[in-house]
Amino acid sequence: RDTHLRSEHFFDAGHHPEITFAAR
C-alpha cells in the first residue's frame, strides 16, 4: 500500500518528493 501511495496514482513521490505547508 505504501508503494501505491507513493506512486503517480496518489502522492507521485518520484516527481514531488515533498509536501509543504507555508503558514502565512
mmCIF file of all heavy atoms, coordinates in Angstrom:
data_MODEL
# 
_entry.id   MODEL 
# 
loop_
_atom_site.group_PDB 
_atom_site.id 
_atom_site.type_symbol 
_atom_site.label_atom_id 
_atom_site.label_alt_id 
_atom_site.label_comp_id 
_atom_site.label_asym_id 
_atom_site.label_entity_id 
_atom_site.label_seq_id 
_atom_site.pdbx_PDB_ins_code 
_atom_site.Cartn_x 
_atom_site.Cartn_y 
_atom_site.Cartn_z 
_atom_site.occupancy 
_atom_site.B_iso_or_equiv 
_atom_site.pdbx_formal_charge 
_atom_site.auth_seq_id 
_atom_site.auth_comp_id 
_atom_site.auth_asym_id 
_atom_site.auth_atom_id 
_atom_site.pdbx_PDB_model_num 
ATOM 1   N N   . ARG A 1 1  ? 0.844  -1.208 0.000   1.00 0.00 ? 1  ARG A N   1 
ATOM 2   C CA  . ARG A 1 1  ? 0.000  0.000  0.000   1.00 0.00 ? 1  ARG A CA  1 
ATOM 3   C C   . ARG A 1 1  ? 0.875  1.254  0.000   1.00 0.00 ? 1  ARG A C   1 
ATOM 4   O O   . ARG A 1 1  ? 0.600  2.216  -0.715  1.00 0.00 ? 1  ARG A O   1 
ATOM 5   C CB  . ARG A 1 1  ? -0.932 -0.001 1.210   1.00 0.00 ? 1  ARG A CB  1 
ATOM 6   C CG  . ARG A 1 1  ? -1.755 1.276  1.299   1.00 0.00 ? 1  ARG A CG  1 
ATOM 7   C CD  . ARG A 1 1  ? -2.782 1.271  2.411   1.00 0.00 ? 1  ARG A CD  1 
ATOM 8   N NE  . ARG A 1 1  ? -2.250 0.836  3.666   1.00 0.00 ? 1  ARG A NE  1 
ATOM 9   C CZ  . ARG A 1 1  ? -2.858 -0.041 4.474   1.00 0.00 ? 1  ARG A CZ  1 
ATOM 10  N NH1 . ARG A 1 1  ? -4.029 -0.545 4.148   1.00 0.00 ? 1  ARG A NH1 1 
ATOM 11  N NH2 . ARG A 1 1  ? -2.311 -0.389 5.615   1.00 0.00 ? 1  ARG A NH2 1 
ATOM 12  N N   . ASP A 1 2  ? 1.954  1.253  0.804   1.00 0.00 ? 2  ASP A N   1 
ATOM 13  C CA  . ASP A 1 2  ? 2.847  2.417  0.849   1.00 0.00 ? 2  ASP A CA  1 
ATOM 14  C C   . ASP A 1 2  ? 3.444  2.705  -0.524  1.00 0.00 ? 2  ASP A C   1 
ATOM 15  O O   . ASP A 1 2  ? 3.523  3.864  -0.947  1.00 0.00 ? 2  ASP A O   1 
ATOM 16  C CB  . ASP A 1 2  ? 3.954  2.204  1.875   1.00 0.00 ? 2  ASP A CB  1 
ATOM 17  C CG  . ASP A 1 2  ? 3.426  2.158  3.300   1.00 0.00 ? 2  ASP A CG  1 
ATOM 18  O OD1 . ASP A 1 2  ? 2.255  2.535  3.527   1.00 0.00 ? 2  ASP A OD1 1 
ATOM 19  O OD2 . ASP A 1 2  ? 4.184  1.732  4.186   1.00 0.00 ? 2  ASP A OD2 1 
ATOM 20  N N   . THR A 1 3  ? 3.855  1.656  -1.232  1.00 0.00 ? 3  THR A N   1 
ATOM 21  C CA  . THR A 1 3  ? 4.389  1.827  -2.579  1.00 0.00 ? 3  THR A CA  1 
ATOM 22  C C   . THR A 1 3  ? 3.335  2.437  -3.486  1.00 0.00 ? 3  THR A C   1 
ATOM 23  O O   . THR A 1 3  ? 3.619  3.346  -4.278  1.00 0.00 ? 3  THR A O   1 
ATOM 24  C CB  . THR A 1 3  ? 4.871  0.473  -3.146  1.00 0.00 ? 3  THR A CB  1 
ATOM 25  O OG1 . THR A 1 3  ? 5.918  -0.014 -2.301  1.00 0.00 ? 3  THR A OG1 1 
ATOM 26  C CG2 . THR A 1 3  ? 5.381  0.606  -4.565  1.00 0.00 ? 3  THR A CG2 1 
ATOM 27  N N   . HIS A 1 4  ? 2.084  1.970  -3.381  1.00 0.00 ? 4  HIS A N   1 
ATOM 28  C CA  . HIS A 1 4  ? 0.999  2.526  -4.200  1.00 0.00 ? 4  HIS A CA  1 
ATOM 29  C C   . HIS A 1 4  ? 0.733  3.992  -3.840  1.00 0.00 ? 4  HIS A C   1 
ATOM 30  O O   . HIS A 1 4  ? 0.542  4.836  -4.727  1.00 0.00 ? 4  HIS A O   1 
ATOM 31  C CB  . HIS A 1 4  ? -0.270 1.684  -4.038  1.00 0.00 ? 4  HIS A CB  1 
ATOM 32  C CG  . HIS A 1 4  ? -1.339 2.048  -5.015  1.00 0.00 ? 4  HIS A CG  1 
ATOM 33  N ND1 . HIS A 1 4  ? -2.674 1.932  -4.731  1.00 0.00 ? 4  HIS A ND1 1 
ATOM 34  C CD2 . HIS A 1 4  ? -1.283 2.538  -6.280  1.00 0.00 ? 4  HIS A CD2 1 
ATOM 35  C CE1 . HIS A 1 4  ? -3.381 2.342  -5.771  1.00 0.00 ? 4  HIS A CE1 1 
ATOM 36  N NE2 . HIS A 1 4  ? -2.569 2.715  -6.718  1.00 0.00 ? 4  HIS A NE2 1 
ATOM 37  N N   . LEU A 1 5  ? 0.750  4.317  -2.563  1.00 0.00 ? 5  LEU A N   1 
ATOM 38  C CA  . LEU A 1 5  ? 0.512  5.704  -2.151  1.00 0.00 ? 5  LEU A CA  1 
ATOM 39  C C   . LEU A 1 5  ? 1.612  6.641  -2.650  1.00 0.00 ? 5  LEU A C   1 
ATOM 40  O O   . LEU A 1 5  ? 1.358  7.813  -2.927  1.00 0.00 ? 5  LEU A O   1 
ATOM 41  C CB  . LEU A 1 5  ? 0.394  5.802  -0.627  1.00 0.00 ? 5  LEU A CB  1 
ATOM 42  C CG  . LEU A 1 5  ? -0.886 5.224  -0.036  1.00 0.00 ? 5  LEU A CG  1 
ATOM 43  C CD1 . LEU A 1 5  ? -0.807 5.185  1.484   1.00 0.00 ? 5  LEU A CD1 1 
ATOM 44  C CD2 . LEU A 1 5  ? -2.102 6.019  -0.496  1.00 0.00 ? 5  LEU A CD2 1 
ATOM 45  N N   . ARG A 1 6  ? 2.828  6.133  -2.782  1.00 0.00 ? 6  ARG A N   1 
ATOM 46  C CA  . ARG A 1 6  ? 3.939  6.956  -3.286  1.00 0.00 ? 6  ARG A CA  1 
ATOM 47  C C   . ARG A 1 6  ? 3.926  7.055  -4.809  1.00 0.00 ? 6  ARG A C   1 
ATOM 48  O O   . ARG A 1 6  ? 4.646  7.871  -5.382  1.00 0.00 ? 6  ARG A O   1 
ATOM 49  C CB  . ARG A 1 6  ? 5.268  6.363  -2.817  1.00 0.00 ? 6  ARG A CB  1 
ATOM 50  C CG  . ARG A 1 6  ? 5.457  6.447  -1.336  1.00 0.00 ? 6  ARG A CG  1 
ATOM 51  C CD  . ARG A 1 6  ? 6.766  5.809  -0.892  1.00 0.00 ? 6  ARG A CD  1 
ATOM 52  N NE  . ARG A 1 6  ? 6.789  5.686  0.551   1.00 0.00 ? 6  ARG A NE  1 
ATOM 53  C CZ  . ARG A 1 6  ? 7.008  4.550  1.197   1.00 0.00 ? 6  ARG A CZ  1 
ATOM 54  N NH1 . ARG A 1 6  ? 7.266  3.436  0.537   1.00 0.00 ? 6  ARG A NH1 1 
ATOM 55  N NH2 . ARG A 1 6  ? 6.987  4.530  2.507   1.00 0.00 ? 6  ARG A NH2 1 
ATOM 56  N N   . SER A 1 7  ? 3.097  6.247  -5.478  1.00 0.00 ? 7  SER A N   1 
ATOM 57  C CA  . SER A 1 7  ? 3.061  6.200  -6.941  1.00 0.00 ? 7  SER A CA  1 
ATOM 58  C C   . SER A 1 7  ? 2.339  7.413  -7.522  1.00 0.00 ? 7  SER A C   1 
ATOM 59  O O   . SER A 1 7  ? 1.778  8.242  -6.804  1.00 0.00 ? 7  SER A O   1 
ATOM 60  C CB  . SER A 1 7  ? 2.362  4.917  -7.402  1.00 0.00 ? 7  SER A CB  1 
ATOM 61  O OG  . SER A 1 7  ? 0.946  5.053  -7.264  1.00 0.00 ? 7  SER A OG  1 
ATOM 62  N N   . GLU A 1 8  ? 2.306  7.460  -8.872  1.00 0.00 ? 8  GLU A N   1 
ATOM 63  C CA  . GLU A 1 8  ? 1.644  8.564  -9.561  1.00 0.00 ? 8  GLU A CA  1 
ATOM 64  C C   . GLU A 1 8  ? 0.136  8.576  -9.318  1.00 0.00 ? 8  GLU A C   1 
ATOM 65  O O   . GLU A 1 8  ? -0.518 9.593  -9.533  1.00 0.00 ? 8  GLU A O   1 
ATOM 66  C CB  . GLU A 1 8  ? 1.939  8.506  -11.068 1.00 0.00 ? 8  GLU A CB  1 
ATOM 67  C CG  . GLU A 1 8  ? 1.392  7.293  -11.790 1.00 0.00 ? 8  GLU A CG  1 
ATOM 68  C CD  . GLU A 1 8  ? 2.220  6.013  -11.611 1.00 0.00 ? 8  GLU A CD  1 
ATOM 69  O OE1 . GLU A 1 8  ? 3.319  6.050  -11.029 1.00 0.00 ? 8  GLU A OE1 1 
ATOM 70  O OE2 . GLU A 1 8  ? 1.736  4.953  -12.045 1.00 0.00 ? 8  GLU A OE2 1 
ATOM 71  N N   . HIS A 1 9  ? -0.450 7.487  -8.829  1.00 0.00 ? 9  HIS A N   1 
ATOM 72  C CA  . HIS A 1 9  ? -1.886 7.476  -8.516  1.00 0.00 ? 9  HIS A CA  1 
ATOM 73  C C   . HIS A 1 9  ? -2.225 8.377  -7.339  1.00 0.00 ? 9  HIS A C   1 
ATOM 74  O O   . HIS A 1 9  ? -3.348 8.862  -7.223  1.00 0.00 ? 9  HIS A O   1 
ATOM 75  C CB  . HIS A 1 9  ? -2.368 6.056  -8.177  1.00 0.00 ? 9  HIS A CB  1 
ATOM 76  C CG  . HIS A 1 9  ? -2.417 5.148  -9.348  1.00 0.00 ? 9  HIS A CG  1 
ATOM 77  N ND1 . HIS A 1 9  ? -2.196 3.802  -9.257  1.00 0.00 ? 9  HIS A ND1 1 
ATOM 78  C CD2 . HIS A 1 9  ? -2.645 5.402  -10.659 1.00 0.00 ? 9  HIS A CD2 1 
ATOM 79  C CE1 . HIS A 1 9  ? -2.287 3.255  -10.453 1.00 0.00 ? 9  HIS A CE1 1 
ATOM 80  N NE2 . HIS A 1 9  ? -2.566 4.206  -11.318 1.00 0.00 ? 9  HIS A NE2 1 
ATOM 81  N N   . PHE A 1 10 ? -1.255 8.548  -6.441  1.00 0.00 ? 10 PHE A N   1 
ATOM 82  C CA  . PHE A 1 10 ? -1.511 9.342  -5.241  1.00 0.00 ? 10 PHE A CA  1 
ATOM 83  C C   . PHE A 1 10 ? -0.488 10.472 -5.116  1.00 0.00 ? 10 PHE A C   1 
ATOM 84  O O   . PHE A 1 10 ? -0.611 11.490 -5.768  1.00 0.00 ? 10 PHE A O   1 
ATOM 85  C CB  . PHE A 1 10 ? -1.544 8.450  -3.996  1.00 0.00 ? 10 PHE A CB  1 
ATOM 86  C CG  . PHE A 1 10 ? -2.752 7.550  -3.953  1.00 0.00 ? 10 PHE A CG  1 
ATOM 87  C CD1 . PHE A 1 10 ? -2.689 6.250  -4.428  1.00 0.00 ? 10 PHE A CD1 1 
ATOM 88  C CD2 . PHE A 1 10 ? -3.968 8.011  -3.477  1.00 0.00 ? 10 PHE A CD2 1 
ATOM 89  C CE1 . PHE A 1 10 ? -3.801 5.421  -4.416  1.00 0.00 ? 10 PHE A CE1 1 
ATOM 90  C CE2 . PHE A 1 10 ? -5.095 7.203  -3.468  1.00 0.00 ? 10 PHE A CE2 1 
ATOM 91  C CZ  . PHE A 1 10 ? -5.012 5.901  -3.936  1.00 0.00 ? 10 PHE A CZ  1 
ATOM 92  N N   . PHE A 1 11 ? 0.528  10.303 -4.267  1.00 0.00 ? 11 PHE A N   1 
ATOM 93  C CA  . PHE A 1 11 ? 1.449  11.400 -3.965  1.00 0.00 ? 11 PHE A CA  1 
ATOM 94  C C   . PHE A 1 11 ? 2.505  11.659 -5.036  1.00 0.00 ? 11 PHE A C   1 
ATOM 95  O O   . PHE A 1 11 ? 3.112  12.715 -5.048  1.00 0.00 ? 11 PHE A O   1 
ATOM 96  C CB  . PHE A 1 11 ? 2.126  11.162 -2.606  1.00 0.00 ? 11 PHE A CB  1 
ATOM 97  C CG  . PHE A 1 11 ? 1.186  11.310 -1.450  1.00 0.00 ? 11 PHE A CG  1 
ATOM 98  C CD1 . PHE A 1 11 ? 0.709  10.194 -0.780  1.00 0.00 ? 11 PHE A CD1 1 
ATOM 99  C CD2 . PHE A 1 11 ? 0.764  12.559 -1.021  1.00 0.00 ? 11 PHE A CD2 1 
ATOM 100 C CE1 . PHE A 1 11 ? -0.164 10.322 0.294   1.00 0.00 ? 11 PHE A CE1 1 
ATOM 101 C CE2 . PHE A 1 11 ? -0.108 12.695 0.039   1.00 0.00 ? 11 PHE A CE2 1 
ATOM 102 C CZ  . PHE A 1 11 ? -0.569 11.583 0.699   1.00 0.00 ? 11 PHE A CZ  1 
ATOM 103 N N   . ASP A 1 12 ? 2.774  10.701 -5.923  1.00 0.00 ? 12 ASP A N   1 
ATOM 104 C CA  . ASP A 1 12 ? 3.752  10.857 -7.002  1.00 0.00 ? 12 ASP A CA  1 
ATOM 105 C C   . ASP A 1 12 ? 5.106  11.326 -6.463  1.00 0.00 ? 12 ASP A C   1 
ATOM 106 O O   . ASP A 1 12 ? 5.666  12.331 -6.897  1.00 0.00 ? 12 ASP A O   1 
ATOM 107 C CB  . ASP A 1 12 ? 3.217  11.817 -8.064  1.00 0.00 ? 12 ASP A CB  1 
ATOM 108 C CG  . ASP A 1 12 ? 3.980  11.732 -9.376  1.00 0.00 ? 12 ASP A CG  1 
ATOM 109 O OD1 . ASP A 1 12 ? 4.809  10.809 -9.545  1.00 0.00 ? 12 ASP A OD1 1 
ATOM 110 O OD2 . ASP A 1 12 ? 3.756  12.603 -10.238 1.00 0.00 ? 12 ASP A OD2 1 
ATOM 111 N N   . ALA A 1 13 ? 5.622  10.547 -5.518  1.00 0.00 ? 13 ALA A N   1 
ATOM 112 C CA  . ALA A 1 13 ? 6.875  10.904 -4.840  1.00 0.00 ? 13 ALA A CA  1 
ATOM 113 C C   . ALA A 1 13 ? 8.053  11.052 -5.792  1.00 0.00 ? 13 ALA A C   1 
ATOM 114 O O   . ALA A 1 13 ? 8.967  11.837 -5.531  1.00 0.00 ? 13 ALA A O   1 
ATOM 115 C CB  . ALA A 1 13 ? 7.203  9.864  -3.769  1.00 0.00 ? 13 ALA A CB  1 
ATOM 116 N N   . GLY A 1 14 ? 8.045  10.331 -6.914  1.00 0.00 ? 14 GLY A N   1 
ATOM 117 C CA  . GLY A 1 14 ? 9.138  10.445 -7.875  1.00 0.00 ? 14 GLY A CA  1 
ATOM 118 C C   . GLY A 1 14 ? 9.268  11.838 -8.467  1.00 0.00 ? 14 GLY A C   1 
ATOM 119 O O   . GLY A 1 14 ? 10.373 12.307 -8.726  1.00 0.00 ? 14 GLY A O   1 
ATOM 120 N N   . HIS A 1 15 ? 8.147  12.508 -8.656  1.00 0.00 ? 15 HIS A N   1 
ATOM 121 C CA  . HIS A 1 15 ? 8.152  13.867 -9.210  1.00 0.00 ? 15 HIS A CA  1 
ATOM 122 C C   . HIS A 1 15 ? 7.955  14.946 -8.145  1.00 0.00 ? 15 HIS A C   1 
ATOM 123 O O   . HIS A 1 15 ? 8.330  16.094 -8.353  1.00 0.00 ? 15 HIS A O   1 
ATOM 124 C CB  . HIS A 1 15 ? 7.052  14.008 -10.270 1.00 0.00 ? 15 HIS A CB  1 
ATOM 125 C CG  . HIS A 1 15 ? 7.290  13.187 -11.481 1.00 0.00 ? 15 HIS A CG  1 
ATOM 126 N ND1 . HIS A 1 15 ? 6.646  11.999 -11.710 1.00 0.00 ? 15 HIS A ND1 1 
ATOM 127 C CD2 . HIS A 1 15 ? 8.134  13.364 -12.520 1.00 0.00 ? 15 HIS A CD2 1 
ATOM 128 C CE1 . HIS A 1 15 ? 7.068  11.478 -12.847 1.00 0.00 ? 15 HIS A CE1 1 
ATOM 129 N NE2 . HIS A 1 15 ? 7.972  12.283 -13.359 1.00 0.00 ? 15 HIS A NE2 1 
ATOM 130 N N   . HIS A 1 16 ? 7.329  14.571 -7.050  1.00 0.00 ? 16 HIS A N   1 
ATOM 131 C CA  . HIS A 1 16 ? 7.004  15.548 -5.996  1.00 0.00 ? 16 HIS A CA  1 
ATOM 132 C C   . HIS A 1 16 ? 7.360  14.935 -4.636  1.00 0.00 ? 16 HIS A C   1 
ATOM 133 O O   . HIS A 1 16 ? 6.475  14.448 -3.923  1.00 0.00 ? 16 HIS A O   1 
ATOM 134 C CB  . HIS A 1 16 ? 5.514  15.911 -6.055  1.00 0.00 ? 16 HIS A CB  1 
ATOM 135 C CG  . HIS A 1 16 ? 5.081  16.388 -7.401  1.00 0.00 ? 16 HIS A CG  1 
ATOM 136 N ND1 . HIS A 1 16 ? 5.393  17.642 -7.875  1.00 0.00 ? 16 HIS A ND1 1 
ATOM 137 C CD2 . HIS A 1 16 ? 4.389  15.768 -8.389  1.00 0.00 ? 16 HIS A CD2 1 
ATOM 138 C CE1 . HIS A 1 16 ? 4.898  17.776 -9.104  1.00 0.00 ? 16 HIS A CE1 1 
ATOM 139 N NE2 . HIS A 1 16 ? 4.287  16.654 -9.430  1.00 0.00 ? 16 HIS A NE2 1 
ATOM 140 N N   . PRO A 1 17 ? 8.638  14.955 -4.286  1.00 0.00 ? 17 PRO A N   1 
ATOM 141 C CA  . PRO A 1 17 ? 9.093  14.243 -3.085  1.00 0.00 ? 17 PRO A CA  1 
ATOM 142 C C   . PRO A 1 17 ? 8.679  14.876 -1.751  1.00 0.00 ? 17 PRO A C   1 
ATOM 143 O O   . PRO A 1 17 ? 8.820  14.229 -0.715  1.00 0.00 ? 17 PRO A O   1 
ATOM 144 C CB  . PRO A 1 17 ? 10.616 14.234 -3.228  1.00 0.00 ? 17 PRO A CB  1 
ATOM 145 C CG  . PRO A 1 17 ? 10.917 15.412 -4.106  1.00 0.00 ? 17 PRO A CG  1 
ATOM 146 C CD  . PRO A 1 17 ? 9.741  15.553 -5.037  1.00 0.00 ? 17 PRO A CD  1 
ATOM 147 N N   . GLU A 1 18 ? 8.169  16.098 -1.785  1.00 0.00 ? 18 GLU A N   1 
ATOM 148 C CA  . GLU A 1 18 ? 7.819  16.766 -0.532  1.00 0.00 ? 18 GLU A CA  1 
ATOM 149 C C   . GLU A 1 18 ? 6.410  17.345 -0.583  1.00 0.00 ? 18 GLU A C   1 
ATOM 150 O O   . GLU A 1 18 ? 5.935  17.765 -1.634  1.00 0.00 ? 18 GLU A O   1 
ATOM 151 C CB  . GLU A 1 18 ? 8.795  17.908 -0.231  1.00 0.00 ? 18 GLU A CB  1 
ATOM 152 C CG  . GLU A 1 18 ? 10.213 17.464 -0.007  1.00 0.00 ? 18 GLU A CG  1 
ATOM 153 C CD  . GLU A 1 18 ? 11.144 18.632 0.243   1.00 0.00 ? 18 GLU A CD  1 
ATOM 154 O OE1 . GLU A 1 18 ? 10.857 19.773 -0.182  1.00 0.00 ? 18 GLU A OE1 1 
ATOM 155 O OE2 . GLU A 1 18 ? 12.184 18.386 0.871   1.00 0.00 ? 18 GLU A OE2 1 
ATOM 156 N N   . ILE A 1 19 ? 5.800  17.368 0.590   1.00 0.00 ? 19 ILE A N   1 
ATOM 157 C CA  . ILE A 1 19 ? 4.569  18.116 0.825   1.00 0.00 ? 19 ILE A CA  1 
ATOM 158 C C   . ILE A 1 19 ? 4.975  19.288 1.699   1.00 0.00 ? 19 ILE A C   1 
ATOM 159 O O   . ILE A 1 19 ? 5.735  19.113 2.659   1.00 0.00 ? 19 ILE A O   1 
ATOM 160 C CB  . ILE A 1 19 ? 3.528  17.250 1.561   1.00 0.00 ? 19 ILE A CB  1 
ATOM 161 C CG1 . ILE A 1 19 ? 3.101  16.073 0.674   1.00 0.00 ? 19 ILE A CG1 1 
ATOM 162 C CG2 . ILE A 1 19 ? 2.322  18.090 1.989   1.00 0.00 ? 19 ILE A CG2 1 
ATOM 163 C CD1 . ILE A 1 19 ? 2.270  15.042 1.416   1.00 0.00 ? 19 ILE A CD1 1 
ATOM 164 N N   . THR A 1 20 ? 4.499  20.480 1.383   1.00 0.00 ? 20 THR A N   1 
ATOM 165 C CA  . THR A 1 20 ? 4.841  21.632 2.209   1.00 0.00 ? 20 THR A CA  1 
ATOM 166 C C   . THR A 1 20 ? 3.577  22.375 2.647   1.00 0.00 ? 20 THR A C   1 
ATOM 167 O O   . THR A 1 20 ? 2.570  22.392 1.933   1.00 0.00 ? 20 THR A O   1 
ATOM 168 C CB  . THR A 1 20 ? 5.764  22.639 1.478   1.00 0.00 ? 20 THR A CB  1 
ATOM 169 O OG1 . THR A 1 20 ? 5.105  23.101 0.301   1.00 0.00 ? 20 THR A OG1 1 
ATOM 170 C CG2 . THR A 1 20 ? 7.091  22.001 1.116   1.00 0.00 ? 20 THR A CG2 1 
ATOM 171 N N   . PHE A 1 21 ? 3.677  22.941 3.827   1.00 0.00 ? 21 PHE A N   1 
ATOM 172 C CA  . PHE A 1 21 ? 2.660  23.857 4.303   1.00 0.00 ? 21 PHE A CA  1 
ATOM 173 C C   . PHE A 1 21 ? 3.374  25.136 4.698   1.00 0.00 ? 21 PHE A C   1 
ATOM 174 O O   . PHE A 1 21 ? 4.231  25.127 5.585   1.00 0.00 ? 21 PHE A O   1 
ATOM 175 C CB  . PHE A 1 21 ? 1.875  23.308 5.495   1.00 0.00 ? 21 PHE A CB  1 
ATOM 176 C CG  . PHE A 1 21 ? 0.855  24.298 6.001   1.00 0.00 ? 21 PHE A CG  1 
ATOM 177 C CD1 . PHE A 1 21 ? -0.276 24.579 5.246   1.00 0.00 ? 21 PHE A CD1 1 
ATOM 178 C CD2 . PHE A 1 21 ? 1.047  24.967 7.189   1.00 0.00 ? 21 PHE A CD2 1 
ATOM 179 C CE1 . PHE A 1 21 ? -1.215 25.510 5.686   1.00 0.00 ? 21 PHE A CE1 1 
ATOM 180 C CE2 . PHE A 1 21 ? 0.125  25.899 7.643   1.00 0.00 ? 21 PHE A CE2 1 
ATOM 181 C CZ  . PHE A 1 21 ? -1.007 26.173 6.889   1.00 0.00 ? 21 PHE A CZ  1 
ATOM 182 N N   . ALA A 1 22 ? 3.040  26.225 4.012   1.00 0.00 ? 22 ALA A N   1 
ATOM 183 C CA  . ALA A 1 22 ? 3.623  27.536 4.312   1.00 0.00 ? 22 ALA A CA  1 
ATOM 184 C C   . ALA A 1 22 ? 2.592  28.350 5.077   1.00 0.00 ? 22 ALA A C   1 
ATOM 185 O O   . ALA A 1 22 ? 1.554  28.723 4.524   1.00 0.00 ? 22 ALA A O   1 
ATOM 186 C CB  . ALA A 1 22 ? 4.023  28.250 3.027   1.00 0.00 ? 22 ALA A CB  1 
ATOM 187 N N   . ALA A 1 23 ? 2.862  28.574 6.354   1.00 0.00 ? 23 ALA A N   1 
ATOM 188 C CA  . ALA A 1 23 ? 1.970  29.388 7.190   1.00 0.00 ? 23 ALA A CA  1 
ATOM 189 C C   . ALA A 1 23 ? 2.282  30.851 6.923   1.00 0.00 ? 23 ALA A C   1 
ATOM 190 O O   . ALA A 1 23 ? 3.377  31.324 7.210   1.00 0.00 ? 23 ALA A O   1 
ATOM 191 C CB  . ALA A 1 23 ? 2.175  29.054 8.653   1.00 0.00 ? 23 ALA A CB  1 
ATOM 192 N N   . ARG A 1 24 ? 1.311  31.547 6.356   1.00 0.00 ? 24 ARG A N   1 
ATOM 193 C CA  . ARG A 1 24 ? 1.493  32.964 6.050   1.00 0.00 ? 24 ARG A CA  1 
ATOM 194 C C   . ARG A 1 24 ? 1.104  33.850 7.224   1.00 0.00 ? 24 ARG A C   1 
ATOM 195 O O   . ARG A 1 24 ? 1.533  34.984 7.333   1.00 0.00 ? 24 ARG A O   1 
ATOM 196 C CB  . ARG A 1 24 ? 0.680  33.323 4.826   1.00 0.00 ? 24 ARG A CB  1 
ATOM 197 C CG  . ARG A 1 24 ? 1.181  32.573 3.603   1.00 0.00 ? 24 ARG A CG  1 
ATOM 198 C CD  . ARG A 1 24 ? 0.714  33.254 2.340   1.00 0.00 ? 24 ARG A CD  1 
ATOM 199 N NE  . ARG A 1 24 ? 1.397  32.651 1.216   1.00 0.00 ? 24 ARG A NE  1 
ATOM 200 C CZ  . ARG A 1 24 ? 0.775  32.109 0.186   1.00 0.00 ? 24 ARG A CZ  1 
ATOM 201 N NH1 . ARG A 1 24 ? -0.534 32.101 0.139   1.00 0.00 ? 24 ARG A NH1 1 
ATOM 202 N NH2 . ARG A 1 24 ? 1.460  31.594 -0.808  1.00 0.00 ? 24 ARG A NH2 1 
# 
